[in-house]
């Protein structure tokens, strides 16, 4: 379901809204989300160290973006 929803969202962003760039933040330990975002063309652009305190420890957040190029 998450994959289909993201695909639909990116179609809307690319073909209807003509967005050139989409950014997101994701916890570094969320491997399922990272795999989904990378599969959809997102690339890591940065890391926010010790971004949040969860489950008794600090977790980094990864800053990711997807840039749409004309004709893509």
C-alpha atoms as a PDB file:
ATOM      1  CA  UNK A   1       0.000   0.000   0.000  1.00  0.00           C
ATOM      2  CA  UNK A   2       2.795   2.450   0.842  1.00  0.00           C
ATOM      3  CA  UNK A   3       4.461   1.859  -2.513  1.00  0.00           C
ATOM      4  CA  UNK A   4       1.253   2.442  -4.478  1.00  0.00           C
ATOM      5  CA  UNK A   5       0.470   5.580  -2.494  1.00  0.00           C
ATOM      6  CA  UNK A   6       3.945   7.042  -3.041  1.00  0.00           C
ATOM      7  CA  UNK A   7       3.800   6.188  -6.755  1.00  0.00           C
ATOM      8  CA  UNK A   8       0.472   8.021  -7.061  1.00  0.00           C
ATOM      9  CA  UNK A   9       1.814  10.995  -5.117  1.00  0.00           C
ATOM     10  CA  UNK A  10       4.909  11.246  -7.311  1.00  0.00           C
ATOM     11  CA  UNK A  11       2.769  11.001 -10.456  1.00  0.00           C
ATOM     12  CA  UNK A  12       0.700  13.916  -9.177  1.00  0.00           C
ATOM     13  CA  UNK A  13       3.831  15.901  -8.308  1.00  0.00           C
ATOM     14  CA  UNK A  14       5.504  15.258 -11.669  1.00  0.00           C
ATOM     15  CA  UNK A  15       2.607  15.384 -14.116  1.00  0.00           C
ATOM     16  CA  UNK A  16       0.040  17.693 -12.551  1.00  0.00           C
ATOM     17  CA  UNK A  17       1.867  20.026 -10.207  1.00  0.00           C
ATOM     18  CA  UNK A  18       5.150  20.157 -12.164  1.00  0.00           C
ATOM     19  CA  UNK A  19       7.186  20.046  -8.964  1.00  0.00           C
ATOM     20  CA  UNK A  20      10.907  19.985  -9.625  1.00  0.00           C
ATOM     21  CA  UNK A  21      12.000  18.855  -6.176  1.00  0.00           C
ATOM     22  CA  UNK A  22      10.503  16.835  -3.340  1.00  0.00           C
ATOM     23  CA  UNK A  23      12.241  16.594   0.034  1.00  0.00           C
ATOM     24  CA  UNK A  24      11.687  14.326   3.021  1.00  0.00           C
ATOM     25  CA  UNK A  25      13.189  13.301   6.337  1.00  0.00           C
ATOM     26  CA  UNK A  26      13.260   9.708   7.535  1.00  0.00           C
ATOM     27  CA  UNK A  27      14.730   8.023  10.600  1.00  0.00           C
ATOM     28  CA  UNK A  28      17.988   6.289   9.703  1.00  0.00           C
ATOM     29  CA  UNK A  29      16.834   3.005  11.256  1.00  0.00           C
ATOM     30  CA  UNK A  30      13.652   2.793   9.147  1.00  0.00           C
ATOM     31  CA  UNK A  31      15.026   0.382   6.547  1.00  0.00           C
ATOM     32  CA  UNK A  32      11.653  -0.339   4.907  1.00  0.00           C
ATOM     33  CA  UNK A  33      10.982   3.352   4.256  1.00  0.00           C
ATOM     34  CA  UNK A  34      14.551   3.923   3.043  1.00  0.00           C
ATOM     35  CA  UNK A  35      14.235   1.075   0.536  1.00  0.00           C
ATOM     36  CA  UNK A  36      10.916   2.457  -0.726  1.00  0.00           C
ATOM     37  CA  UNK A  37      12.235   6.006  -1.116  1.00  0.00           C
ATOM     38  CA  UNK A  38      15.419   4.878  -2.873  1.00  0.00           C
ATOM     39  CA  UNK A  39      13.380   2.686  -5.226  1.00  0.00           C
ATOM     40  CA  UNK A  40      11.347   5.782  -6.154  1.00  0.00           C
ATOM     41  CA  UNK A  41      14.457   7.829  -6.961  1.00  0.00           C
ATOM     42  CA  UNK A  42      15.126   9.672  -3.708  1.00  0.00           C
ATOM     43  CA  UNK A  43      18.777  10.265  -2.827  1.00  0.00           C
ATOM     44  CA  UNK A  44      20.317  11.048   0.537  1.00  0.00           C
ATOM     45  CA  UNK A  45      21.530  14.632   0.760  1.00  0.00           C
ATOM     46  CA  UNK A  46      22.344  14.905   4.432  1.00  0.00           C
ATOM     47  CA  UNK A  47      22.124  13.535   7.940  1.00  0.00           C
ATOM     48  CA  UNK A  48      20.795  15.174  11.078  1.00  0.00           C
ATOM     49  CA  UNK A  49      22.716  13.493  13.878  1.00  0.00           C
ATOM     50  CA  UNK A  50      20.858  12.547  17.061  1.00  0.00           C
ATOM     51  CA  UNK A  51      17.672  14.004  15.589  1.00  0.00           C
ATOM     52  CA  UNK A  52      15.227  12.312  17.950  1.00  0.00           C
ATOM     53  CA  UNK A  53      15.203  10.293  21.158  1.00  0.00           C
ATOM     54  CA  UNK A  54      13.254   7.074  20.573  1.00  0.00           C
ATOM     55  CA  UNK A  55      13.129   3.794  22.416  1.00  0.00           C
ATOM     56  CA  UNK A  56      15.785   4.897  24.878  1.00  0.00           C
ATOM     57  CA  UNK A  57      18.345   6.089  22.336  1.00  0.00           C
ATOM     58  CA  UNK A  58      19.091   8.877  19.919  1.00  0.00           C
ATOM     59  CA  UNK A  59      18.359   8.252  16.254  1.00  0.00           C
ATOM     60  CA  UNK A  60      19.678  10.123  13.228  1.00  0.00           C
ATOM     61  CA  UNK A  61      17.390  11.431  10.507  1.00  0.00           C
ATOM     62  CA  UNK A  62      18.354  11.248   6.856  1.00  0.00           C
ATOM     63  CA  UNK A  63      17.516  14.149   4.577  1.00  0.00           C
ATOM     64  CA  UNK A  64      16.488  12.899   1.151  1.00  0.00           C
ATOM     65  CA  UNK A  65      15.323  14.520  -2.061  1.00  0.00           C
ATOM     66  CA  UNK A  66      14.078  13.594  -5.507  1.00  0.00           C
ATOM     67  CA  UNK A  67      14.717  16.034  -8.335  1.00  0.00           C
ATOM     68  CA  UNK A  68      12.572  15.701 -11.442  1.00  0.00           C
ATOM     69  CA  UNK A  69      14.316  16.523 -14.691  1.00  0.00           C
ATOM     70  CA  UNK A  70      12.360  17.476 -17.817  1.00  0.00           C
ATOM     71  CA  UNK A  71      11.335  14.414 -19.817  1.00  0.00           C
ATOM     72  CA  UNK A  72      11.749  12.084 -16.864  1.00  0.00           C
END
